[in-house]
Amino acid sequence: GVMMTANAALDAGRDVVVHQSATNDAGTASL
């Protein structure tokens, strides 16, 4: 659901930021 939310945000022109604690997780690393 996190990736769904992030992709919907990008489609709507919102900013998407990854927290430093999640840089090595698969989904957030792809962002």
PDB file of all heavy atoms in Angstrom:
ATOM      1  N   GLY A   1       0.807  -1.206   0.000  1.00  0.00           N
ATOM      2  CA  GLY A   1       0.000   0.000   0.000  1.00  0.00           C
ATOM      3  C   GLY A   1       0.843   1.259   0.000  1.00  0.00           C
ATOM      4  O   GLY A   1       0.419   2.301  -0.515  1.00  0.00           O
ATOM      5  N   VAL A   2       2.038   1.169   0.581  1.00  0.00           N
ATOM      6  CA  VAL A   2       2.940   2.325   0.585  1.00  0.00           C
ATOM      7  C   VAL A   2       3.295   2.716  -0.841  1.00  0.00           C
ATOM      8  O   VAL A   2       3.267   3.901  -1.215  1.00  0.00           O
ATOM      9  CB  VAL A   2       4.215   2.008   1.385  1.00  0.00           C
ATOM     10  CG1 VAL A   2       5.204   3.166   1.295  1.00  0.00           C
ATOM     11  CG2 VAL A   2       3.878   1.715   2.839  1.00  0.00           C
ATOM     12  N   MET A   3       3.610   1.724  -1.661  1.00  0.00           N
ATOM     13  CA  MET A   3       3.967   2.003  -3.048  1.00  0.00           C
ATOM     14  C   MET A   3       2.766   2.503  -3.841  1.00  0.00           C
ATOM     15  O   MET A   3       2.899   3.365  -4.720  1.00  0.00           O
ATOM     16  CB  MET A   3       4.552   0.745  -3.688  1.00  0.00           C
ATOM     17  CG  MET A   3       5.849   0.283  -3.048  1.00  0.00           C
ATOM     18  SD  MET A   3       7.146   1.546  -3.119  1.00  0.00           S
ATOM     19  CE  MET A   3       7.460   1.592  -4.880  1.00  0.00           C
ATOM     20  N   MET A   4       1.574   1.979  -3.539  1.00  0.00           N
ATOM     21  CA  MET A   4       0.356   2.492  -4.182  1.00  0.00           C
ATOM     22  C   MET A   4       0.171   3.968  -3.864  1.00  0.00           C
ATOM     23  O   MET A   4      -0.134   4.779  -4.749  1.00  0.00           O
ATOM     24  CB  MET A   4      -0.873   1.708  -3.695  1.00  0.00           C
ATOM     25  CG  MET A   4      -1.014   0.319  -4.222  1.00  0.00           C
ATOM     26  SD  MET A   4      -2.585  -0.392  -3.662  1.00  0.00           S
ATOM     27  CE  MET A   4      -2.357  -2.092  -4.158  1.00  0.00           C
ATOM     28  N   THR A   5       0.357   4.304  -2.589  1.00  0.00           N
ATOM     29  CA  THR A   5       0.194   5.697  -2.169  1.00  0.00           C
ATOM     30  C   THR A   5       1.236   6.587  -2.827  1.00  0.00           C
ATOM     31  O   THR A   5       0.932   7.684  -3.306  1.00  0.00           O
ATOM     32  CB  THR A   5       0.289   5.802  -0.639  1.00  0.00           C
ATOM     33  OG1 THR A   5      -0.659   4.916  -0.032  1.00  0.00           O
ATOM     34  CG2 THR A   5       0.016   7.217  -0.168  1.00  0.00           C
ATOM     35  N   ALA A   6       2.479   6.122  -2.856  1.00  0.00           N
ATOM     36  CA  ALA A   6       3.551   6.915  -3.458  1.00  0.00           C
ATOM     37  C   ALA A   6       3.301   7.136  -4.945  1.00  0.00           C
ATOM     38  O   ALA A   6       3.478   8.250  -5.457  1.00  0.00           O
ATOM     39  CB  ALA A   6       4.886   6.217  -3.240  1.00  0.00           C
ATOM     40  N   ASN A   7       2.891   6.104  -5.658  1.00  0.00           N
ATOM     41  CA  ASN A   7       2.630   6.241  -7.087  1.00  0.00           C
ATOM     42  C   ASN A   7       1.446   7.159  -7.357  1.00  0.00           C
ATOM     43  O   ASN A   7       1.464   7.950  -8.310  1.00  0.00           O
ATOM     44  CB  ASN A   7       2.397   4.861  -7.715  1.00  0.00           C
ATOM     45  CG  ASN A   7       3.665   4.029  -7.786  1.00  0.00           C
ATOM     46  OD1 ASN A   7       4.756   4.555  -7.956  1.00  0.00           O
ATOM     47  ND2 ASN A   7       3.534   2.720  -7.638  1.00  0.00           N
ATOM     48  N   ALA A   8       0.403   7.061  -6.513  1.00  0.00           N
ATOM     49  CA  ALA A   8      -0.745   7.957  -6.668  1.00  0.00           C
ATOM     50  C   ALA A   8      -0.331   9.400  -6.402  1.00  0.00           C
ATOM     51  O   ALA A   8      -0.809  10.328  -7.067  1.00  0.00           O
ATOM     52  CB  ALA A   8      -1.864   7.536  -5.712  1.00  0.00           C
ATOM     53  N   ALA A   9       0.560   9.592  -5.434  1.00  0.00           N
ATOM     54  CA  ALA A   9       1.047  10.938  -5.136  1.00  0.00           C
ATOM     55  C   ALA A   9       1.827  11.509  -6.316  1.00  0.00           C
ATOM     56  O   ALA A   9       1.668  12.676  -6.684  1.00  0.00           O
ATOM     57  CB  ALA A   9       1.914  10.913  -3.879  1.00  0.00           C
ATOM     58  N   LEU A  10       2.670  10.693  -6.931  1.00  0.00           N
ATOM     59  CA  LEU A  10       3.440  11.147  -8.087  1.00  0.00           C
ATOM     60  C   LEU A  10       2.514  11.500  -9.253  1.00  0.00           C
ATOM     61  O   LEU A  10       2.723  12.493  -9.952  1.00  0.00           O
ATOM     62  CB  LEU A  10       4.439  10.074  -8.495  1.00  0.00           C
ATOM     63  CG  LEU A  10       5.592   9.815  -7.514  1.00  0.00           C
ATOM     64  CD1 LEU A  10       6.400   8.598  -7.943  1.00  0.00           C
ATOM     65  CD2 LEU A  10       6.491  11.036  -7.392  1.00  0.00           C
ATOM     66  N   ASP A  11       1.483  10.681  -9.463  1.00  0.00           N
ATOM     67  CA  ASP A  11       0.526  10.957 -10.531  1.00  0.00           C
ATOM     68  C   ASP A  11      -0.201  12.280 -10.310  1.00  0.00           C
ATOM     69  O   ASP A  11      -0.580  12.951 -11.266  1.00  0.00           O
ATOM     70  CB  ASP A  11      -0.503   9.824 -10.630  1.00  0.00           C
ATOM     71  CG  ASP A  11       0.097   8.542 -11.176  1.00  0.00           C
ATOM     72  OD1 ASP A  11       1.181   8.603 -11.797  1.00  0.00           O
ATOM     73  OD2 ASP A  11      -0.512   7.467 -10.976  1.00  0.00           O
ATOM     74  N   ALA A  12      -0.402  12.633  -9.033  1.00  0.00           N
ATOM     75  CA  ALA A  12      -1.122  13.859  -8.702  1.00  0.00           C
ATOM     76  C   ALA A  12      -0.204  15.066  -8.566  1.00  0.00           C
ATOM     77  O   ALA A  12      -0.666  16.156  -8.229  1.00  0.00           O
ATOM     78  CB  ALA A  12      -1.905  13.660  -7.399  1.00  0.00           C
ATOM     79  N   GLY A  13       1.084  14.871  -8.812  1.00  0.00           N
ATOM     80  CA  GLY A  13       2.022  15.986  -8.723  1.00  0.00           C
ATOM     81  C   GLY A  13       2.487  16.305  -7.330  1.00  0.00           C
ATOM     82  O   GLY A  13       2.995  17.403  -7.072  1.00  0.00           O
ATOM     83  N   ARG A  14       2.356  15.366  -6.397  1.00  0.00           N
ATOM     84  CA  ARG A  14       2.832  15.572  -5.035  1.00  0.00           C
ATOM     85  C   ARG A  14       4.303  15.151  -4.934  1.00  0.00           C
ATOM     86  O   ARG A  14       4.805  14.375  -5.746  1.00  0.00           O
ATOM     87  CB  ARG A  14       2.000  14.765  -4.026  1.00  0.00           C
ATOM     88  CG  ARG A  14       0.497  14.986  -4.100  1.00  0.00           C
ATOM     89  CD  ARG A  14       0.117  16.395  -3.700  1.00  0.00           C
ATOM     90  NE  ARG A  14      -1.307  16.501  -3.450  1.00  0.00           N
ATOM     91  CZ  ARG A  14      -2.188  16.979  -4.314  1.00  0.00           C
ATOM     92  NH1 ARG A  14      -1.776  17.390  -5.510  1.00  0.00           N
ATOM     93  NH2 ARG A  14      -3.480  17.054  -4.012  1.00  0.00           N
ATOM     94  N   ASP A  15       4.975  15.639  -3.896  1.00  0.00           N
ATOM     95  CA  ASP A  15       6.354  15.234  -3.647  1.00  0.00           C
ATOM     96  C   ASP A  15       6.369  13.903  -2.893  1.00  0.00           C
ATOM     97  O   ASP A  15       5.555  13.689  -1.987  1.00  0.00           O
ATOM     98  CB  ASP A  15       7.080  16.291  -2.809  1.00  0.00           C
ATOM     99  CG  ASP A  15       7.277  17.586  -3.569  1.00  0.00           C
ATOM    100  OD1 ASP A  15       7.412  17.530  -4.805  1.00  0.00           O
ATOM    101  OD2 ASP A  15       7.295  18.657  -2.930  1.00  0.00           O
ATOM    102  N   VAL A  16       7.293  13.046  -3.243  1.00  0.00           N
ATOM    103  CA  VAL A  16       7.482  11.776  -2.539  1.00  0.00           C
ATOM    104  C   VAL A  16       8.902  11.741  -2.003  1.00  0.00           C
ATOM    105  O   VAL A  16       9.874  11.919  -2.753  1.00  0.00           O
ATOM    106  CB  VAL A  16       7.224  10.567  -3.457  1.00  0.00           C
ATOM    107  CG1 VAL A  16       7.568   9.267  -2.733  1.00  0.00           C
ATOM    108  CG2 VAL A  16       5.766  10.538  -3.904  1.00  0.00           C
ATOM    109  N   VAL A  17       9.025  11.524  -0.700  1.00  0.00           N
ATOM    110  CA  VAL A  17      10.317  11.515  -0.016  1.00  0.00           C
ATOM    111  C   VAL A  17      10.455  10.187   0.723  1.00  0.00           C
ATOM    112  O   VAL A  17       9.479   9.678   1.283  1.00  0.00           O
ATOM    113  CB  VAL A  17      10.410  12.693   0.988  1.00  0.00           C
ATOM    114  CG1 VAL A  17      11.725  12.659   1.738  1.00  0.00           C
ATOM    115  CG2 VAL A  17      10.239  14.023   0.258  1.00  0.00           C
ATOM    116  N   VAL A  18      11.647   9.637   0.726  1.00  0.00           N
ATOM    117  CA  VAL A  18      11.922   8.395   1.439  1.00  0.00           C
ATOM    118  C   VAL A  18      12.669   8.722   2.721  1.00  0.00           C
ATOM    119  O   VAL A  18      13.644   9.482   2.699  1.00  0.00           O
ATOM    120  CB  VAL A  18      12.752   7.429   0.575  1.00  0.00           C
ATOM    121  CG1 VAL A  18      13.179   6.202   1.387  1.00  0.00           C
ATOM    122  CG2 VAL A  18      11.953   7.008  -0.650  1.00  0.00           C
ATOM    123  N   HIS A  19      12.196   8.169   3.833  1.00  0.00           N
ATOM    124  CA  HIS A  19      12.902   8.395   5.095  1.00  0.00           C
ATOM    125  C   HIS A  19      14.218   7.630   5.097  1.00  0.00           C
ATOM    126  O   HIS A  19      14.343   6.549   4.516  1.00  0.00           O
ATOM    127  CB  HIS A  19      12.047   7.962   6.287  1.00  0.00           C
ATOM    128  CG  HIS A  19      12.597   8.425   7.590  1.00  0.00           C
ATOM    129  ND1 HIS A  19      13.416   7.639   8.362  1.00  0.00           N
ATOM    130  CD2 HIS A  19      12.463   9.613   8.250  1.00  0.00           C
ATOM    131  CE1 HIS A  19      13.765   8.312   9.450  1.00  0.00           C
ATOM    132  NE2 HIS A  19      13.196   9.511   9.405  1.00  0.00           N
ATOM    133  N   GLN A  20      15.182   8.194   5.769  1.00  0.00           N
ATOM    134  CA  GLN A  20      16.533   7.628   5.790  1.00  0.00           C
ATOM    135  C   GLN A  20      16.565   6.200   6.317  1.00  0.00           C
ATOM    136  O   GLN A  20      17.417   5.397   5.928  1.00  0.00           O
ATOM    137  CB  GLN A  20      17.444   8.523   6.629  1.00  0.00           C
ATOM    138  CG  GLN A  20      18.915   8.191   6.540  1.00  0.00           C
ATOM    139  CD  GLN A  20      19.765   9.134   7.369  1.00  0.00           C
ATOM    140  OE1 GLN A  20      19.515   9.325   8.559  1.00  0.00           O
ATOM    141  NE2 GLN A  20      20.748   9.758   6.738  1.00  0.00           N
ATOM    142  N   SER A  21      15.626   5.853   7.187  1.00  0.00           N
ATOM    143  CA  SER A  21      15.611   4.514   7.772  1.00  0.00           C
ATOM    144  C   SER A  21      15.193   3.439   6.774  1.00  0.00           C
ATOM    145  O   SER A  21      15.304   2.247   7.072  1.00  0.00           O
ATOM    146  CB  SER A  21      14.637   4.487   8.965  1.00  0.00           C
ATOM    147  OG  SER A  21      13.311   4.741   8.526  1.00  0.00           O
ATOM    148  N   ALA A  22      14.696   3.847   5.607  1.00  0.00           N
ATOM    149  CA  ALA A  22      14.136   2.877   4.656  1.00  0.00           C
ATOM    150  C   ALA A  22      14.909   2.800   3.347  1.00  0.00           C
ATOM    151  O   ALA A  22      14.389   2.284   2.352  1.00  0.00           O
ATOM    152  CB  ALA A  22      12.671   3.231   4.376  1.00  0.00           C
ATOM    153  N   THR A  23      16.129   3.275   3.333  1.00  0.00           N
ATOM    154  CA  THR A  23      16.868   3.324   2.063  1.00  0.00           C
ATOM    155  C   THR A  23      17.222   1.941   1.517  1.00  0.00           C
ATOM    156  O   THR A  23      17.454   1.798   0.319  1.00  0.00           O
ATOM    157  CB  THR A  23      18.164   4.140   2.235  1.00  0.00           C
ATOM    158  OG1 THR A  23      18.922   3.587   3.324  1.00  0.00           O
ATOM    159  CG2 THR A  23      17.847   5.603   2.534  1.00  0.00           C
ATOM    160  N   ASN A  24      17.242   0.926   2.379  1.00  0.00           N
ATOM    161  CA  ASN A  24      17.638  -0.406   1.924  1.00  0.00           C
ATOM    162  C   ASN A  24      16.466  -1.352   1.697  1.00  0.00           C
ATOM    163  O   ASN A  24      16.673  -2.531   1.384  1.00  0.00           O
ATOM    164  CB  ASN A  24      18.602  -1.043   2.939  1.00  0.00           C
ATOM    165  CG  ASN A  24      19.932  -0.305   3.013  1.00  0.00           C
ATOM    166  OD1 ASN A  24      20.435   0.172   1.992  1.00  0.00           O
ATOM    167  ND2 ASN A  24      20.489  -0.206   4.206  1.00  0.00           N
ATOM    168  N   ASP A  25      15.245  -0.873   1.852  1.00  0.00           N
ATOM    169  CA  ASP A  25      14.070  -1.714   1.616  1.00  0.00           C
ATOM    170  C   ASP A  25      13.706  -1.679   0.136  1.00  0.00           C
ATOM    171  O   ASP A  25      13.859  -0.652  -0.540  1.00  0.00           O
ATOM    172  CB  ASP A  25      12.902  -1.238   2.473  1.00  0.00           C
ATOM    173  CG  ASP A  25      13.180  -1.404   3.958  1.00  0.00           C
ATOM    174  OD1 ASP A  25      13.254  -2.556   4.404  1.00  0.00           O
ATOM    175  OD2 ASP A  25      13.352  -0.381   4.648  1.00  0.00           O
ATOM    176  N   ALA A  26      13.170  -2.782  -0.359  1.00  0.00           N
ATOM    177  CA  ALA A  26      12.979  -2.935  -1.801  1.00  0.00           C
ATOM    178  C   ALA A  26      12.099  -1.842  -2.406  1.00  0.00           C
ATOM    179  O   ALA A  26      12.448  -1.223  -3.417  1.00  0.00           O
ATOM    180  CB  ALA A  26      12.382  -4.312  -2.092  1.00  0.00           C
ATOM    181  N   GLY A  27      10.955  -1.605  -1.789  1.00  0.00           N
ATOM    182  CA  GLY A  27      10.024  -0.634  -2.349  1.00  0.00           C
ATOM    183  C   GLY A  27      10.572   0.778  -2.331  1.00  0.00           C
ATOM    184  O   GLY A  27      10.580   1.474  -3.353  1.00  0.00           O
ATOM    185  N   THR A  28      11.015   1.215  -1.176  1.00  0.00           N
ATOM    186  CA  THR A  28      11.512   2.580  -1.049  1.00  0.00           C
ATOM    187  C   THR A  28      12.827   2.775  -1.802  1.00  0.00           C
ATOM    188  O   THR A  28      13.100   3.864  -2.310  1.00  0.00           O
ATOM    189  CB  THR A  28      11.689   2.940   0.436  1.00  0.00           C
ATOM    190  OG1 THR A  28      12.267   1.821   1.138  1.00  0.00           O
ATOM    191  CG2 THR A  28      10.346   3.262   1.072  1.00  0.00           C
ATOM    192  N   ALA A  29      13.640   1.720  -1.905  1.00  0.00           N
ATOM    193  CA  ALA A  29      14.872   1.823  -2.697  1.00  0.00           C
ATOM    194  C   ALA A  29      14.548   2.085  -4.164  1.00  0.00           C
ATOM    195  O   ALA A  29      15.261   2.823  -4.846  1.00  0.00           O
ATOM    196  CB  ALA A  29      15.697   0.552  -2.557  1.00  0.00           C
ATOM    197  N   SER A  30      13.456   1.495  -4.658  1.00  0.00           N
ATOM    198  CA  SER A  30      13.059   1.742  -6.045  1.00  0.00           C
ATOM    199  C   SER A  30      12.601   3.187  -6.231  1.00  0.00           C
ATOM    200  O   SER A  30      12.811   3.773  -7.300  1.00  0.00           O
ATOM    201  CB  SER A  30      11.954   0.774  -6.467  1.00  0.00           C
ATOM    202  OG  SER A  30      10.730   1.064  -5.808  1.00  0.00           O
ATOM    203  N   LEU A  31      11.985   3.769  -5.198  1.00  0.00           N
ATOM    204  CA  LEU A  31      11.588   5.177  -5.278  1.00  0.00           C
ATOM    205  C   LEU A  31      12.820   6.080  -5.353  1.00  0.00           C
ATOM    206  O   LEU A  31      12.853   7.053  -6.111  1.00  0.00           O
ATOM    207  CB  LEU A  31      10.734   5.554  -4.063  1.00  0.00           C
ATOM    208  CG  LEU A  31       9.346   4.921  -3.970  1.00  0.00           C
ATOM    209  CD1 LEU A  31       8.685   5.290  -2.644  1.00  0.00           C
ATOM    210  CD2 LEU A  31       8.467   5.354  -5.141  1.00  0.00           C
TER     211      LEU A  31
END
